[in-house]
Amino acid sequence: MPQPDRRISPGGWVLVTGANGYIASHVVDILLDQGYNVRGTVRNEKLWLNRYFETKYGKGGFQTFILPDLEDQSAFDKAVNGVSGVVHIATDVSFSTDVHAVVAKVVAGTVNVLQSAAKEPSVKSVVLTSSSSAALIPVPNQEGVVVDQNTWNDAAVKAAYSGAAPAEQLPFLSYAASKTEGEHAFWDWVKTNNPSFAVNSVLPNMAMGPIPSPEMYGSTMGFIRELLEGKTDKNIDMFPPQWYIDVRDIARVHVAALLDPTVQSERLFAFAGPFNWNDIIRILKKLRPGNTNIPAAPENEGRDLSDVWKASKRAEELIRSFFGVKGWISLEESLEAGIVDLK
């Protein structure tokens, strides 16, 4: 298959923020595999991360940059020095109930990345990792919700700031508000400043799939892995029925958005297909039939009926054309890859 045109030639440097994270580590992996060099920001030294990529790709292609504070503009200026592309994934995942602090940090980090990129003549493309929660938080069995380029979760922002949200909902509302306001800030900055580089955002839904290293918890896949131990407190209650996406596909969408010159000023929805916890538990029991710790599926949980098919089709077509893959990885294949090391 012929190589598609690229904004950045192999051998160029790409900055990936939050490089030790679940999604970011897969983005780094694909970029290195495609022949790019990667500078990955981390809050503090992660020797295991360097070892992981050096073992796989050799020395010299991956380097870490210590960036402890997303609100430090001068640090971002140094981090982007000489890079041709930026993938901004680092965010606040503390699920703190201090909404003002969380939103302020995420917005500042987003604007800082853009301002630093604008100072660096070599930058040709910037991609922001947003979230499905910047578009919506699904309500099971709610009909008539259609997601498109203009769908924003401003309701979550209002609810997070209202002071009236139930205590158990506030941590996720705080996160959703930060992702919504962070992406708003991204596009507002672009509209005001009209940068010379390409800009795109990626909105992934619930990430599943392989965890690159034992040192990495694996974010949402870590919650699913806990079901094999019978734990349900942090997963079934926190996440309503929604859509899944394999983390490898999320990474492919990011890399294609960064490099494909046909993608410009788009919100790319990385939604592979709807699921609920009955689906997850059924598949886990199929994959691990001898595991008696897997809990029973919840009753009457419903499904996410949001119509995201048209919006997500664009992202799926993009990874097909750029990477030559058949399409989204299936839910079962994603779960199997995410628990391959567990009994």
Protein backbone atom coordinates (compact mmCIF):
# COMPACT_ATOMS: atom_id res chain seq x y z
CA MET A 1 0.00 0.00 0.00
CA PRO A 2 1.51 3.40 -0.96
CA GLN A 3 2.40 5.76 1.87
CA PRO A 4 -0.04 8.67 2.25
CA ASP A 5 1.18 12.23 2.06
CA ARG A 6 2.37 13.55 5.41
CA ARG A 7 2.64 16.99 6.97
CA ILE A 8 5.79 15.89 8.77
CA SER A 9 8.41 13.63 7.21
CA PRO A 10 9.66 10.57 9.12
CA GLY A 11 12.69 11.51 11.18
CA GLY A 12 11.05 14.68 12.43
CA TRP A 13 10.48 15.36 16.13
CA VAL A 14 7.05 15.29 17.73
CA LEU A 15 6.21 16.46 21.25
CA VAL A 16 3.73 14.24 23.12
CA THR A 17 2.61 15.58 26.49
CA GLY A 18 1.85 13.19 29.35
CA ALA A 19 3.85 10.48 27.57
CA ASN A 20 3.56 7.95 30.40
CA GLY A 21 -0.25 7.90 30.17
CA TYR A 22 -2.38 5.14 28.70
CA ILE A 23 -3.34 6.87 25.46
CA ALA A 24 -0.12 8.86 25.14
CA SER A 25 2.14 5.82 25.41
CA HIS A 26 0.33 4.25 22.45
CA VAL A 27 0.65 7.47 20.45
CA VAL A 28 4.39 7.50 21.17
CA ASP A 29 4.62 3.84 20.14
CA ILE A 30 2.98 4.43 16.76
CA LEU A 31 5.08 7.52 16.05
CA LEU A 32 8.30 5.64 16.81
CA ASP A 33 7.12 2.71 14.70
CA GLN A 34 6.44 5.13 11.83
CA GLY A 35 10.00 6.45 12.01
CA TYR A 36 9.51 9.65 13.99
CA ASN A 37 11.44 10.89 17.00
CA VAL A 38 9.43 11.70 20.11
CA ARG A 39 9.99 14.02 23.01
CA GLY A 40 7.57 13.03 25.76
CA THR A 41 6.72 15.23 28.71
CA VAL A 42 6.36 13.68 32.16
CA ARG A 43 5.78 15.32 35.54
CA ASN A 44 8.75 13.51 37.06
CA GLU A 45 11.38 11.09 35.85
CA LYS A 46 10.02 7.78 34.52
CA LEU A 47 13.04 5.54 33.89
CA TRP A 48 10.80 2.59 33.04
CA LEU A 49 9.28 4.59 30.17
CA ASN A 50 12.66 5.27 28.59
CA ARG A 51 13.64 1.63 29.04
CA TYR A 52 10.40 0.44 27.44
CA PHE A 53 10.84 2.45 24.24
CA GLU A 54 14.62 2.01 24.04
CA THR A 55 14.21 -1.77 24.32
CA LYS A 56 11.66 -1.73 21.54
CA TYR A 57 13.17 0.87 19.17
CA GLY A 58 16.73 1.49 20.29
CA LYS A 59 18.27 4.58 21.84
CA GLY A 60 17.95 8.09 20.47
CA GLY A 61 14.40 8.10 19.15
CA PHE A 62 12.64 8.81 22.42
CA GLN A 63 13.53 11.31 25.09
CA THR A 64 11.68 12.59 28.12
CA PHE A 65 11.22 16.19 29.16
CA ILE A 66 10.31 16.98 32.77
CA LEU A 67 7.28 19.29 32.82
CA PRO A 68 5.73 19.18 36.29
CA ASP A 69 3.20 21.98 35.83
CA LEU A 70 0.79 22.49 32.91
CA GLU A 71 0.56 26.15 33.88
CA ASP A 72 4.28 26.78 33.30
CA GLN A 73 4.46 28.61 29.97
CA SER A 74 8.27 28.84 29.94
CA ALA A 75 8.59 25.07 30.30
CA PHE A 76 6.34 24.53 27.28
CA ASP A 77 8.49 26.99 25.30
CA LYS A 78 11.50 24.77 25.95
CA ALA A 79 9.58 21.55 25.30
CA VAL A 80 8.49 22.57 21.78
CA ASN A 81 11.94 23.74 20.72
CA GLY A 82 12.73 22.17 17.36
CA VAL A 83 9.66 19.92 17.08
CA SER A 84 7.49 19.71 13.97
CA GLY A 85 4.35 18.43 15.66
CA VAL A 86 2.62 18.47 19.03
CA VAL A 87 0.11 16.03 20.49
CA HIS A 88 -1.24 17.49 23.72
CA ILE A 89 -2.64 14.67 25.86
CA ALA A 90 -1.61 15.62 29.40
CA THR A 91 -4.55 16.71 31.52
CA ASP A 92 -5.84 16.75 35.09
CA VAL A 93 -7.16 13.27 35.94
CA SER A 94 -7.33 13.84 39.68
CA PHE A 95 -11.15 13.82 39.62
CA SER A 96 -10.89 16.54 42.23
CA THR A 97 -14.11 18.20 43.31
CA ASP A 98 -12.39 21.60 43.17
CA VAL A 99 -13.94 22.43 39.80
CA HIS A 100 -12.37 25.87 39.48
CA ALA A 101 -8.85 24.53 40.02
CA VAL A 102 -9.24 21.58 37.66
CA VAL A 103 -10.73 23.64 34.84
CA ALA A 104 -8.15 26.41 35.27
CA LYS A 105 -5.27 23.93 35.03
CA VAL A 106 -6.59 22.18 31.92
CA VAL A 107 -7.41 25.42 30.12
CA ALA A 108 -4.01 26.91 31.00
CA GLY A 109 -2.19 23.82 29.74
CA THR A 110 -4.10 23.88 26.45
CA VAL A 111 -3.48 27.57 25.80
CA ASN A 112 0.16 27.29 26.85
CA VAL A 113 0.78 24.52 24.33
CA LEU A 114 -0.73 26.59 21.54
CA GLN A 115 1.14 29.75 22.48
CA SER A 116 4.44 27.90 22.66
CA ALA A 117 3.77 26.19 19.33
CA ALA A 118 3.04 29.57 17.76
CA LYS A 119 6.49 30.79 18.82
CA GLU A 120 8.25 27.81 17.22
CA PRO A 121 8.53 28.16 13.39
CA SER A 122 9.14 24.44 12.91
CA VAL A 123 5.67 23.39 14.20
CA LYS A 124 3.37 22.24 11.40
CA SER A 125 0.59 20.45 13.27
CA VAL A 126 -1.01 20.39 16.73
CA VAL A 127 -3.52 17.83 17.99
CA LEU A 128 -5.48 18.14 21.22
CA THR A 129 -6.81 15.15 23.14
CA SER A 130 -10.28 16.12 24.24
CA SER A 131 -12.84 13.59 25.51
CA SER A 132 -16.25 12.18 24.71
CA SER A 133 -17.33 13.98 27.87
CA ALA A 134 -16.68 17.28 26.09
CA ALA A 135 -19.60 16.35 23.86
CA LEU A 136 -21.94 14.47 26.20
CA ILE A 137 -22.41 12.30 29.24
CA PRO A 138 -24.88 9.69 28.02
CA VAL A 139 -28.10 8.92 29.83
CA PRO A 140 -29.11 5.26 29.45
CA ASN A 141 -32.05 4.71 27.08
CA GLN A 142 -32.34 8.40 26.21
CA GLU A 143 -33.42 8.72 22.59
CA GLY A 144 -32.97 11.53 20.11
CA VAL A 145 -29.37 12.53 20.98
CA VAL A 146 -27.31 13.11 17.83
CA VAL A 147 -23.61 13.93 18.17
CA ASP A 148 -21.83 16.01 15.53
CA GLN A 149 -19.08 18.62 15.17
CA ASN A 150 -21.21 21.17 17.03
CA THR A 151 -22.12 19.01 20.05
CA TRP A 152 -20.76 20.37 23.33
CA ASN A 153 -21.31 19.31 26.91
CA ASP A 154 -21.95 22.78 28.28
CA ALA A 155 -24.56 21.22 30.56
CA ALA A 156 -21.76 19.46 32.47
CA VAL A 157 -19.94 22.75 32.93
CA LYS A 158 -23.08 24.39 34.30
CA ALA A 159 -23.81 21.44 36.60
CA ALA A 160 -20.22 21.30 37.89
CA TYR A 161 -20.23 24.98 38.81
CA SER A 162 -23.79 25.02 40.16
CA GLY A 163 -22.98 23.68 43.62
CA ALA A 164 -26.09 21.54 43.37
CA ALA A 165 -24.60 18.39 41.84
CA PRO A 166 -24.76 15.24 43.99
CA ALA A 167 -21.43 14.59 45.73
CA GLU A 168 -20.94 11.24 44.00
CA GLN A 169 -21.31 12.85 40.56
CA LEU A 170 -19.06 15.85 41.11
CA PRO A 171 -15.67 14.19 40.46
CA PHE A 172 -16.67 13.11 36.94
CA LEU A 173 -18.59 16.35 36.31
CA SER A 174 -15.42 18.24 37.25
CA TYR A 175 -13.43 16.20 34.74
CA ALA A 176 -16.08 16.65 32.02
CA ALA A 177 -16.21 20.38 32.65
CA SER A 178 -12.43 20.63 32.33
CA LYS A 179 -12.39 18.74 29.04
CA THR A 180 -15.27 20.80 27.65
CA GLU A 181 -13.74 24.11 28.66
CA GLY A 182 -10.28 22.96 27.61
CA GLU A 183 -11.46 22.15 24.10
CA HIS A 184 -13.50 25.37 23.92
CA ALA A 185 -10.31 27.26 24.82
CA PHE A 186 -8.43 25.37 22.08
CA TRP A 187 -10.83 26.37 19.32
CA ASP A 188 -11.30 29.90 20.67
CA TRP A 189 -7.53 30.42 20.58
CA VAL A 190 -7.36 29.06 17.02
CA LYS A 191 -10.16 31.37 15.87
CA THR A 192 -8.51 34.41 17.44
CA ASN A 193 -4.91 33.69 16.41
CA ASN A 194 -5.27 31.91 13.04
CA PRO A 195 -2.06 29.89 13.46
CA SER A 196 0.10 28.79 10.55
CA PHE A 197 0.04 25.17 11.74
CA ALA A 198 -2.78 22.65 11.33
CA VAL A 199 -5.07 22.03 14.30
CA ASN A 200 -7.38 19.12 15.16
CA SER A 201 -8.92 17.60 18.27
CA VAL A 202 -9.70 13.98 19.11
CA LEU A 203 -12.61 13.01 21.36
CA PRO A 204 -12.10 9.41 22.55
CA ASN A 205 -14.75 7.52 24.45
CA MET A 206 -13.95 4.80 27.03
CA ALA A 207 -10.50 3.42 26.25
CA MET A 208 -9.85 -0.32 26.37
CA GLY A 209 -7.10 -2.58 25.10
CA PRO A 210 -3.48 -3.48 25.88
CA ILE A 211 -1.49 -1.89 28.68
CA PRO A 212 2.08 -1.37 27.43
CA SER A 213 3.99 -1.88 30.68
CA PRO A 214 3.38 -3.29 34.18
CA GLU A 215 4.33 0.12 35.60
CA MET A 216 1.28 1.63 33.93
CA TYR A 217 -2.11 1.26 35.60
CA GLY A 218 -3.99 1.55 32.35
CA SER A 219 -6.67 4.08 33.19
CA THR A 220 -10.15 2.80 32.26
CA MET A 221 -8.78 -0.59 31.23
CA GLY A 222 -7.44 -0.89 34.77
CA PHE A 223 -11.01 -0.62 36.06
CA ILE A 224 -12.10 -3.45 33.76
CA ARG A 225 -9.17 -5.61 34.84
CA GLU A 226 -10.38 -5.23 38.43
CA LEU A 227 -13.59 -7.02 37.50
CA LEU A 228 -11.51 -10.20 37.22
CA GLU A 229 -10.85 -9.76 40.95
CA GLY A 230 -14.50 -9.17 41.74
CA LYS A 231 -14.12 -5.43 42.30
CA THR A 232 -16.94 -3.19 41.09
CA ASP A 233 -16.74 -0.07 43.22
CA LYS A 234 -14.77 2.08 40.79
CA ASN A 235 -16.13 0.89 37.47
CA ILE A 236 -19.75 -0.13 37.12
CA ASP A 237 -20.95 2.68 39.39
CA MET A 238 -18.74 5.34 37.80
CA PHE A 239 -19.28 4.64 34.12
CA PRO A 240 -22.78 4.40 32.63
CA PRO A 241 -23.41 2.48 29.39
CA GLN A 242 -21.57 4.37 26.65
CA TRP A 243 -19.27 3.69 23.68
CA TYR A 244 -15.91 1.92 23.77
CA ILE A 245 -12.78 2.47 21.69
CA ASP A 246 -9.58 0.44 21.61
CA VAL A 247 -6.61 2.49 22.78
CA ARG A 248 -4.65 1.48 19.68
CA ASP A 249 -7.37 2.98 17.50
CA ILE A 250 -7.38 6.14 19.62
CA ALA A 251 -3.64 6.45 18.99
CA ARG A 252 -4.11 5.88 15.25
CA VAL A 253 -6.68 8.68 15.08
CA HIS A 254 -4.26 11.03 16.85
CA VAL A 255 -1.36 10.20 14.55
CA ALA A 256 -3.48 10.47 11.41
CA ALA A 257 -4.84 13.83 12.61
CA LEU A 258 -1.29 15.01 13.19
CA LEU A 259 0.17 13.86 9.88
CA ASP A 260 -2.58 13.60 7.25
CA PRO A 261 -2.77 16.91 5.31
CA THR A 262 -6.42 16.30 4.43
CA VAL A 263 -7.45 16.68 8.09
CA GLN A 264 -7.77 20.29 9.14
CA SER A 265 -9.76 21.99 11.91
CA GLU A 266 -11.79 18.89 12.72
CA ARG A 267 -13.18 17.33 15.88
CA LEU A 268 -12.58 13.60 15.40
CA PHE A 269 -14.87 11.30 17.37
CA ALA A 270 -13.09 8.09 18.41
CA PHE A 271 -16.21 6.08 19.21
CA ALA A 272 -16.12 2.45 18.00
CA GLY A 273 -19.46 1.14 19.26
CA PRO A 274 -21.87 1.17 22.19
CA PHE A 275 -21.52 -1.22 25.13
CA ASN A 276 -22.90 -1.80 28.59
CA TRP A 277 -21.57 -3.77 31.57
CA ASN A 278 -23.59 -6.83 30.64
CA ASP A 279 -21.55 -6.93 27.41
CA ILE A 280 -18.26 -6.54 29.29
CA ILE A 281 -19.02 -9.21 31.87
CA ARG A 282 -20.35 -11.63 29.27
CA ILE A 283 -17.12 -11.31 27.27
CA LEU A 284 -14.89 -11.57 30.35
CA LYS A 285 -16.65 -14.79 31.38
CA LYS A 286 -16.15 -16.12 27.86
CA LEU A 287 -12.45 -15.21 27.90
CA ARG A 288 -11.87 -16.47 31.47
CA PRO A 289 -14.44 -19.26 31.99
CA GLY A 290 -12.68 -20.55 35.10
CA ASN A 291 -12.70 -17.21 36.90
CA THR A 292 -15.40 -17.27 39.58
CA ASN A 293 -14.59 -13.75 40.84
CA ILE A 294 -16.18 -11.98 37.89
CA PRO A 295 -19.29 -10.29 39.31
CA ALA A 296 -22.81 -10.70 38.06
CA ALA A 297 -23.96 -8.19 35.48
CA PRO A 298 -26.10 -5.31 36.74
CA GLU A 299 -29.82 -5.51 36.08
CA ASN A 300 -31.82 -3.03 34.03
CA GLU A 301 -28.81 -0.89 33.20
CA GLY A 302 -30.02 0.11 29.73
CA ARG A 303 -27.92 1.26 26.81
CA ASP A 304 -26.45 4.40 25.34
CA LEU A 305 -28.76 5.23 22.43
CA SER A 306 -26.87 8.34 21.35
CA ASP A 307 -26.37 8.52 17.59
CA VAL A 308 -22.65 8.96 17.04
CA TRP A 309 -22.38 6.70 14.00
CA LYS A 310 -22.00 9.42 11.38
CA ALA A 311 -19.56 11.43 13.47
CA SER A 312 -17.39 8.42 14.30
CA LYS A 313 -17.40 7.15 10.71
CA ARG A 314 -15.09 9.99 9.70
CA ALA A 315 -12.43 8.92 12.23
CA GLU A 316 -12.75 5.27 11.23
CA GLU A 317 -12.37 6.11 7.54
CA LEU A 318 -9.31 8.15 8.41
CA ILE A 319 -7.45 5.29 10.10
CA ARG A 320 -8.45 2.99 7.23
CA SER A 321 -6.98 5.30 4.60
CA PHE A 322 -3.88 6.31 6.59
CA PHE A 323 -2.93 3.00 8.20
CA GLY A 324 -4.59 0.46 5.92
CA VAL A 325 -6.49 -1.19 8.78
CA LYS A 326 -9.92 -2.78 8.29
CA GLY A 327 -11.66 -0.51 10.78
CA TRP A 328 -12.28 -0.30 14.51
CA ILE A 329 -10.99 -3.12 16.70
CA SER A 330 -13.87 -5.15 18.12
CA LEU A 331 -14.92 -4.99 21.77
CA GLU A 332 -13.96 -8.61 22.40
CA GLU A 333 -10.55 -8.27 20.75
CA SER A 334 -9.91 -5.12 22.75
CA LEU A 335 -10.83 -6.74 26.06
CA GLU A 336 -8.77 -9.83 25.28
CA ALA A 337 -5.70 -7.71 24.59
CA GLY A 338 -6.26 -5.77 27.80
CA ILE A 339 -6.25 -8.85 30.07
CA VAL A 340 -3.81 -11.07 28.19
CA ASP A 341 -1.45 -11.15 31.20
CA LEU A 342 -4.16 -12.00 33.74
CA LYS A 343 -5.82 -15.29 34.62
